[in-house]
Structure formats: structure tokens, C-alpha cells
Amino acid sequence: MSRAFACYGGKIITISSRRQLEGYQVGLRAYHACEQEEGELPADSLDDHEFTRSLDQRMPRDLSGIEATSWRASFIIGWTCAHLMIDAWG
């Protein structure tokens, strides 16, 4: 299940596993949930600690080290695409 898309700046991002896709989708949903709770531009209002806490609360606990790293990166991509209003799958 390999999917690739262009993200901000023309970078090509490849999501090649179910866990990566899950992290990406959770990142999108987390951004929009935060936006609804906090109002405009939640990414600008979260500091590093708050963002990390939000990510850690949503990350599955059964991931191996490499899976966790990949999931976290995919979450950040999803969050960033939502913030930049990029519809990566559109």
C-alpha cells in the first residue's frame, strides 16, 4: 500500500505502511480537533511541550521503536498539511 503525494515546497512524501497512514490521519484529525477547541490557528498557539503531549496522547502504545518513529513523523506531516490547508489525497 504505497501512496505518494507532493507536500509543501514540492517535496514528495511516501506513506508505505498502514501505521504511517494512521499517523497521518490522526495528525489531520488532531489539528482539526484542536482548531475547534482553541479557535483560529491552534498550531501557532501550542508550544513544543503542548504539541508533544498531544502527539503522545494519540500515539498507539503497541509500536516498536521504528514504527513509533515512523508514526510520529506521519502525525507531524498530517498536522502540517492540515495547518497549510493542503489536501494531500485530493
C-alpha atoms as a PDB file:
ATOM      1  CA  MET A   1       0.000   0.000   0.000  1.00  0.00           C
ATOM      2  CA  SER A   2       2.341   2.710  -1.120  1.00  0.00           C
ATOM      3  CA  ARG A   3       0.945   6.199  -1.692  1.00  0.00           C
ATOM      4  CA  ALA A   4       2.963   9.248  -2.595  1.00  0.00           C
ATOM      5  CA  PHE A   5       1.936  12.877  -2.723  1.00  0.00           C
ATOM      6  CA  ALA A   6       3.533  16.263  -3.081  1.00  0.00           C
ATOM      7  CA  CYS A   7       3.609  18.336   0.059  1.00  0.00           C
ATOM      8  CA  TYR A   8       4.521  21.968   0.697  1.00  0.00           C
ATOM      9  CA  GLY A   9       7.585  23.046  -1.236  1.00  0.00           C
ATOM     10  CA  GLY A  10       7.237  20.283  -3.821  1.00  0.00           C
ATOM     11  CA  LYS A  11       8.651  17.585  -1.532  1.00  0.00           C
ATOM     12  CA  ILE A  12       7.432  14.083  -2.312  1.00  0.00           C
ATOM     13  CA  ILE A  13       6.225  12.193   0.734  1.00  0.00           C
ATOM     14  CA  THR A  14       5.597   8.433   0.562  1.00  0.00           C
ATOM     15  CA  ILE A  15       3.342   6.652   3.001  1.00  0.00           C
ATOM     16  CA  SER A  16       4.103   2.981   2.660  1.00  0.00           C
ATOM     17  CA  SER A  17       2.516   1.303   5.662  1.00  0.00           C
ATOM     18  CA  ARG A  18      -0.800   1.146   7.471  1.00  0.00           C
ATOM     19  CA  ARG A  19       0.824   2.659  10.579  1.00  0.00           C
ATOM     20  CA  GLN A  20       2.180   5.629   8.618  1.00  0.00           C
ATOM     21  CA  LEU A  21      -1.243   6.267   7.084  1.00  0.00           C
ATOM     22  CA  GLU A  22      -2.812   6.016  10.536  1.00  0.00           C
ATOM     23  CA  GLY A  23      -0.336   8.538  11.961  1.00  0.00           C
ATOM     24  CA  TYR A  24      -1.008  10.914   9.075  1.00  0.00           C
ATOM     25  CA  GLN A  25      -4.786  10.671   9.509  1.00  0.00           C
ATOM     26  CA  VAL A  26      -4.569  11.083  13.284  1.00  0.00           C
ATOM     27  CA  GLY A  27      -2.420  14.195  12.749  1.00  0.00           C
ATOM     28  CA  LEU A  28      -5.076  15.680  10.464  1.00  0.00           C
ATOM     29  CA  ARG A  29      -7.870  14.926  12.940  1.00  0.00           C
ATOM     30  CA  ALA A  30      -5.854  16.217  15.899  1.00  0.00           C
ATOM     31  CA  TYR A  31      -5.219  19.526  14.159  1.00  0.00           C
ATOM     32  CA  HIS A  32      -8.900  19.999  13.344  1.00  0.00           C
ATOM     33  CA  ALA A  33      -9.957  18.987  16.871  1.00  0.00           C
ATOM     34  CA  CYS A  34      -7.512  21.496  18.338  1.00  0.00           C
ATOM     35  CA  GLU A  35      -8.764  24.130  15.912  1.00  0.00           C
ATOM     36  CA  GLN A  36     -12.352  23.587  17.074  1.00  0.00           C
ATOM     37  CA  GLU A  37     -11.347  23.706  20.747  1.00  0.00           C
ATOM     38  CA  GLU A  38      -8.946  26.645  20.562  1.00  0.00           C
ATOM     39  CA  GLY A  39     -10.262  28.774  17.695  1.00  0.00           C
ATOM     40  CA  GLU A  40      -8.032  30.223  14.994  1.00  0.00           C
ATOM     41  CA  LEU A  41      -4.522  28.917  14.262  1.00  0.00           C
ATOM     42  CA  PRO A  42      -4.044  26.351  17.039  1.00  0.00           C
ATOM     43  CA  ALA A  43      -0.628  25.356  15.683  1.00  0.00           C
ATOM     44  CA  ASP A  44       0.583  28.866  16.395  1.00  0.00           C
ATOM     45  CA  SER A  45      -0.712  28.745  19.961  1.00  0.00           C
ATOM     46  CA  LEU A  46       0.791  25.385  21.003  1.00  0.00           C
ATOM     47  CA  ASP A  47       4.289  25.358  22.405  1.00  0.00           C
ATOM     48  CA  ASP A  48       6.608  22.371  21.904  1.00  0.00           C
ATOM     49  CA  HIS A  49       5.521  20.727  25.159  1.00  0.00           C
ATOM     50  CA  GLU A  50       1.799  21.013  24.357  1.00  0.00           C
ATOM     51  CA  PHE A  51       2.273  19.706  20.823  1.00  0.00           C
ATOM     52  CA  THR A  52       4.358  16.759  22.032  1.00  0.00           C
ATOM     53  CA  ARG A  53       1.773  15.949  24.706  1.00  0.00           C
ATOM     54  CA  SER A  54      -0.992  15.997  22.073  1.00  0.00           C
ATOM     55  CA  LEU A  55       1.019  13.667  19.839  1.00  0.00           C
ATOM     56  CA  ASP A  56       1.969  11.307  22.686  1.00  0.00           C
ATOM     57  CA  GLN A  57      -1.638  11.038  23.887  1.00  0.00           C
ATOM     58  CA  ARG A  58      -2.746   9.849  20.463  1.00  0.00           C
ATOM     59  CA  MET A  59       0.156   7.521  19.607  1.00  0.00           C
ATOM     60  CA  PRO A  60      -0.635   3.790  19.867  1.00  0.00           C
ATOM     61  CA  ARG A  61       1.240   2.099  22.708  1.00  0.00           C
ATOM     62  CA  ASP A  62       1.962  -1.153  20.860  1.00  0.00           C
ATOM     63  CA  LEU A  63       4.504   0.238  18.370  1.00  0.00           C
ATOM     64  CA  SER A  64       8.096  -0.924  18.081  1.00  0.00           C
ATOM     65  CA  GLY A  65      10.851   1.723  18.089  1.00  0.00           C
ATOM     66  CA  ILE A  66      10.985   2.164  14.300  1.00  0.00           C
ATOM     67  CA  GLU A  67       7.187   2.035  13.995  1.00  0.00           C
ATOM     68  CA  ALA A  68       6.848   4.712  16.673  1.00  0.00           C
ATOM     69  CA  THR A  69       9.333   6.958  14.882  1.00  0.00           C
ATOM     70  CA  SER A  70       7.543   6.490  11.567  1.00  0.00           C
ATOM     71  CA  TRP A  71       4.112   7.058  13.155  1.00  0.00           C
ATOM     72  CA  ARG A  72       5.307  10.270  14.840  1.00  0.00           C
ATOM     73  CA  ALA A  73       6.738  11.599  11.564  1.00  0.00           C
ATOM     74  CA  SER A  74       3.485  10.808   9.760  1.00  0.00           C
ATOM     75  CA  PHE A  75       1.461  12.531  12.500  1.00  0.00           C
ATOM     76  CA  ILE A  76       3.590  15.661  12.054  1.00  0.00           C
ATOM     77  CA  ILE A  77       3.073  15.532   8.273  1.00  0.00           C
ATOM     78  CA  GLY A  78      -0.696  15.232   8.764  1.00  0.00           C
ATOM     79  CA  TRP A  79      -0.746  18.121  11.248  1.00  0.00           C
ATOM     80  CA  THR A  80       1.372  20.271   8.924  1.00  0.00           C
ATOM     81  CA  CYS A  81      -0.757  19.515   5.858  1.00  0.00           C
ATOM     82  CA  ALA A  82      -3.893  20.483   7.821  1.00  0.00           C
ATOM     83  CA  HIS A  83      -2.239  23.688   9.016  1.00  0.00           C
ATOM     84  CA  LEU A  84      -1.149  24.613   5.486  1.00  0.00           C
ATOM     85  CA  MET A  85      -4.594  23.584   4.151  1.00  0.00           C
ATOM     86  CA  ILE A  86      -3.086  21.009   1.794  1.00  0.00           C
ATOM     87  CA  ASP A  87      -5.423  18.230   0.710  1.00  0.00           C
ATOM     88  CA  ALA A  88      -2.751  15.620   0.147  1.00  0.00           C
ATOM     89  CA  TRP A  89      -5.133  12.934  -1.066  1.00  0.00           C
ATOM     90  CA  GLY A  90      -7.384  15.246  -3.108  1.00  0.00           C
END
